[in-house]
Amino acid sequence: MAPYEYAQLERENEEIRLLSLMPGARDDDISIRIFHVPLIIPPRQTGEIKRLSLEQLQETLSDGMYVMKTIDGRYIFKHRSGNANSWDHPDPTFDRALYDLPKHGDFLENKPQYEALS
């Protein structure tokens, strides 16, 4: 493994160094990767976010359907009868911007996530 080469943190982004423990076999030497990430969340881009809440979106569906939020934040439309699930609203004329995930920088749930900081 190559030796670590120091790189200065960017103060304007309030960067921090994180360490990622790389996978390996039981008898392998410990291998890590050191990288920089901004500690602050960049300001949201201008523009209105039109995405509906889960409850608001549920009100647009018939009684035979319901909507769920996946672990990655997407909405999935499900049939109570067991028919195929869909990423698309059952009404093809329904504005996709009302349920699709906004671009990365616009999404309110866009927060840095770390396994651990110390």
C-alpha atoms as a PDB file:
ATOM      1  CA  MET A   1       0.000   0.000   0.000  1.00  0.00           C
ATOM      2  CA  ALA A   2       1.268   3.480  -0.852  1.00  0.00           C
ATOM      3  CA  PRO A   3       2.234   5.762   2.053  1.00  0.00           C
ATOM      4  CA  TYR A   4      -0.180   8.545   2.988  1.00  0.00           C
ATOM      5  CA  GLU A   5       0.467  11.862   1.272  1.00  0.00           C
ATOM      6  CA  TYR A   6      -0.656  14.849   3.308  1.00  0.00           C
ATOM      7  CA  ALA A   7      -3.158  17.173   1.634  1.00  0.00           C
ATOM      8  CA  GLN A   8      -4.352  20.377   3.276  1.00  0.00           C
ATOM      9  CA  LEU A   9      -8.010  20.646   4.313  1.00  0.00           C
ATOM     10  CA  GLU A  10     -10.127  23.333   2.639  1.00  0.00           C
ATOM     11  CA  ARG A  11     -11.082  25.790   5.396  1.00  0.00           C
ATOM     12  CA  GLU A  12     -13.903  27.454   3.436  1.00  0.00           C
ATOM     13  CA  ASN A  13     -15.715  24.097   3.194  1.00  0.00           C
ATOM     14  CA  GLU A  14     -14.846  23.189   6.796  1.00  0.00           C
ATOM     15  CA  GLU A  15     -13.438  19.900   5.573  1.00  0.00           C
ATOM     16  CA  ILE A  16     -12.559  17.019   7.861  1.00  0.00           C
ATOM     17  CA  ARG A  17     -10.559  13.854   7.265  1.00  0.00           C
ATOM     18  CA  LEU A  18     -12.360  10.540   7.394  1.00  0.00           C
ATOM     19  CA  LEU A  19     -10.895   7.090   7.473  1.00  0.00           C
ATOM     20  CA  SER A  20     -12.466   4.151   5.678  1.00  0.00           C
ATOM     21  CA  LEU A  21     -11.473   0.664   6.776  1.00  0.00           C
ATOM     22  CA  MET A  22     -11.086  -1.473   3.661  1.00  0.00           C
ATOM     23  CA  PRO A  23     -12.282  -5.096   3.542  1.00  0.00           C
ATOM     24  CA  GLY A  24      -9.778  -7.909   3.628  1.00  0.00           C
ATOM     25  CA  ALA A  25      -9.137 -11.460   4.733  1.00  0.00           C
ATOM     26  CA  ARG A  26      -8.484 -12.356   8.355  1.00  0.00           C
ATOM     27  CA  ASP A  27      -4.693 -12.550   7.975  1.00  0.00           C
ATOM     28  CA  ASP A  28      -4.334  -9.476   5.709  1.00  0.00           C
ATOM     29  CA  ASP A  29      -2.659  -6.311   6.910  1.00  0.00           C
ATOM     30  CA  ILE A  30      -5.105  -3.586   7.890  1.00  0.00           C
ATOM     31  CA  SER A  31      -5.821  -1.363   4.900  1.00  0.00           C
ATOM     32  CA  ILE A  32      -7.398   2.085   5.157  1.00  0.00           C
ATOM     33  CA  ARG A  33      -8.303   4.983   2.897  1.00  0.00           C
ATOM     34  CA  ILE A  34      -8.126   8.574   4.152  1.00  0.00           C
ATOM     35  CA  PHE A  35     -10.274  11.160   2.396  1.00  0.00           C
ATOM     36  CA  HIS A  36     -11.691  14.668   2.886  1.00  0.00           C
ATOM     37  CA  VAL A  37     -15.368  15.639   3.114  1.00  0.00           C
ATOM     38  CA  PRO A  38     -17.055  18.980   3.866  1.00  0.00           C
ATOM     39  CA  LEU A  39     -18.514  19.041   7.359  1.00  0.00           C
ATOM     40  CA  ILE A  40     -21.084  21.706   6.480  1.00  0.00           C
ATOM     41  CA  ILE A  41     -24.024  21.109   4.196  1.00  0.00           C
ATOM     42  CA  PRO A  42     -23.783  23.308   1.096  1.00  0.00           C
ATOM     43  CA  PRO A  43     -26.609  25.857   0.774  1.00  0.00           C
ATOM     44  CA  ARG A  44     -29.631  24.651  -1.142  1.00  0.00           C
ATOM     45  CA  GLN A  45     -29.930  25.688  -4.718  1.00  0.00           C
ATOM     46  CA  THR A  46     -32.620  28.217  -5.466  1.00  0.00           C
ATOM     47  CA  GLY A  47     -35.872  26.943  -6.824  1.00  0.00           C
ATOM     48  CA  GLU A  48     -39.006  25.594  -5.285  1.00  0.00           C
ATOM     49  CA  ILE A  49     -39.223  21.940  -4.347  1.00  0.00           C
ATOM     50  CA  LYS A  50     -42.603  20.620  -5.398  1.00  0.00           C
ATOM     51  CA  ARG A  51     -42.328  17.098  -3.938  1.00  0.00           C
ATOM     52  CA  LEU A  52     -45.381  16.036  -1.940  1.00  0.00           C
ATOM     53  CA  SER A  53     -45.193  14.406   1.472  1.00  0.00           C
ATOM     54  CA  LEU A  54     -46.110  10.747   1.788  1.00  0.00           C
ATOM     55  CA  GLU A  55     -49.498  11.690   3.261  1.00  0.00           C
ATOM     56  CA  GLN A  56     -50.266  14.201   0.496  1.00  0.00           C
ATOM     57  CA  LEU A  57     -49.340  11.676  -2.179  1.00  0.00           C
ATOM     58  CA  GLN A  58     -51.504   8.980  -0.556  1.00  0.00           C
ATOM     59  CA  GLU A  59     -54.533  11.280  -0.933  1.00  0.00           C
ATOM     60  CA  THR A  60     -54.082  11.178  -4.733  1.00  0.00           C
ATOM     61  CA  LEU A  61     -54.449   7.373  -4.879  1.00  0.00           C
ATOM     62  CA  SER A  62     -57.516   5.155  -5.064  1.00  0.00           C
ATOM     63  CA  ASP A  63     -58.438   2.913  -2.109  1.00  0.00           C
ATOM     64  CA  GLY A  64     -56.838  -0.075  -3.835  1.00  0.00           C
ATOM     65  CA  MET A  65     -53.364   1.482  -3.723  1.00  0.00           C
ATOM     66  CA  TYR A  66     -50.922   2.904  -1.229  1.00  0.00           C
ATOM     67  CA  VAL A  67     -47.537   4.587  -1.395  1.00  0.00           C
ATOM     68  CA  MET A  68     -44.408   3.822   0.630  1.00  0.00           C
ATOM     69  CA  LYS A  69     -41.045   5.512   0.994  1.00  0.00           C
ATOM     70  CA  THR A  70     -38.014   3.320   0.331  1.00  0.00           C
ATOM     71  CA  ILE A  71     -34.832   3.394   2.383  1.00  0.00           C
ATOM     72  CA  ASP A  72     -33.194   5.640  -0.246  1.00  0.00           C
ATOM     73  CA  GLY A  73     -36.086   8.132  -0.113  1.00  0.00           C
ATOM     74  CA  ARG A  74     -37.934   7.185  -3.314  1.00  0.00           C
ATOM     75  CA  TYR A  75     -41.694   6.685  -3.364  1.00  0.00           C
ATOM     76  CA  ILE A  76     -43.037   3.344  -4.584  1.00  0.00           C
ATOM     77  CA  PHE A  77     -46.684   2.751  -5.470  1.00  0.00           C
ATOM     78  CA  LYS A  78     -48.166  -0.559  -4.314  1.00  0.00           C
ATOM     79  CA  HIS A  79     -51.429  -2.367  -5.016  1.00  0.00           C
ATOM     80  CA  ARG A  80     -53.293  -3.867  -2.058  1.00  0.00           C
ATOM     81  CA  SER A  81     -54.360  -6.744  -4.332  1.00  0.00           C
ATOM     82  CA  GLY A  82     -50.747  -7.797  -4.913  1.00  0.00           C
ATOM     83  CA  ASN A  83     -50.397  -6.486  -8.482  1.00  0.00           C
ATOM     84  CA  ALA A  84     -46.978  -5.276  -9.602  1.00  0.00           C
ATOM     85  CA  ASN A  85     -45.432  -2.336  -7.739  1.00  0.00           C
ATOM     86  CA  SER A  86     -44.342   0.736  -9.668  1.00  0.00           C
ATOM     87  CA  TRP A  87     -42.110   3.785  -9.365  1.00  0.00           C
ATOM     88  CA  ASP A  88     -44.666   5.622 -11.535  1.00  0.00           C
ATOM     89  CA  HIS A  89     -47.898   7.181 -10.277  1.00  0.00           C
ATOM     90  CA  PRO A  90     -50.920   5.197 -11.533  1.00  0.00           C
ATOM     91  CA  ASP A  91     -52.267   8.365 -13.179  1.00  0.00           C
ATOM     92  CA  PRO A  92     -49.929   8.916 -16.170  1.00  0.00           C
ATOM     93  CA  THR A  93     -50.907  12.617 -16.301  1.00  0.00           C
ATOM     94  CA  PHE A  94     -49.789  13.202 -12.688  1.00  0.00           C
ATOM     95  CA  ASP A  95     -46.816  15.609 -12.517  1.00  0.00           C
ATOM     96  CA  ARG A  96     -43.688  13.530 -11.903  1.00  0.00           C
ATOM     97  CA  ALA A  97     -42.001  16.418 -10.042  1.00  0.00           C
ATOM     98  CA  LEU A  98     -44.593  15.954  -7.288  1.00  0.00           C
ATOM     99  CA  TYR A  99     -43.201  12.533  -6.317  1.00  0.00           C
ATOM    100  CA  ASP A 100     -39.744  12.056  -7.867  1.00  0.00           C
ATOM    101  CA  LEU A 101     -36.644  12.811  -5.831  1.00  0.00           C
ATOM    102  CA  PRO A 102     -35.326  16.313  -6.494  1.00  0.00           C
ATOM    103  CA  LYS A 103     -31.792  16.806  -7.741  1.00  0.00           C
ATOM    104  CA  HIS A 104     -29.161  16.005  -5.115  1.00  0.00           C
ATOM    105  CA  GLY A 105     -28.493  19.607  -4.053  1.00  0.00           C
ATOM    106  CA  ASP A 106     -32.177  20.516  -3.698  1.00  0.00           C
ATOM    107  CA  PHE A 107     -33.316  17.628  -1.547  1.00  0.00           C
ATOM    108  CA  LEU A 108     -34.199  18.629   2.032  1.00  0.00           C
ATOM    109  CA  GLU A 109     -33.049  15.255   3.332  1.00  0.00           C
ATOM    110  CA  ASN A 110     -29.614  15.802   1.782  1.00  0.00           C
ATOM    111  CA  LYS A 111     -27.448  15.655   4.885  1.00  0.00           C
ATOM    112  CA  PRO A 112     -23.976  14.249   5.309  1.00  0.00           C
ATOM    113  CA  GLN A 113     -24.053  10.759   6.787  1.00  0.00           C
ATOM    114  CA  TYR A 114     -21.161   9.125   8.581  1.00  0.00           C
ATOM    115  CA  GLU A 115     -20.827   5.818  10.370  1.00  0.00           C
ATOM    116  CA  ALA A 116     -18.781   7.482  13.095  1.00  0.00           C
ATOM    117  CA  LEU A 117     -16.980  10.714  13.856  1.00  0.00           C
ATOM    118  CA  SER A 118     -14.580  11.210  16.729  1.00  0.00           C
END
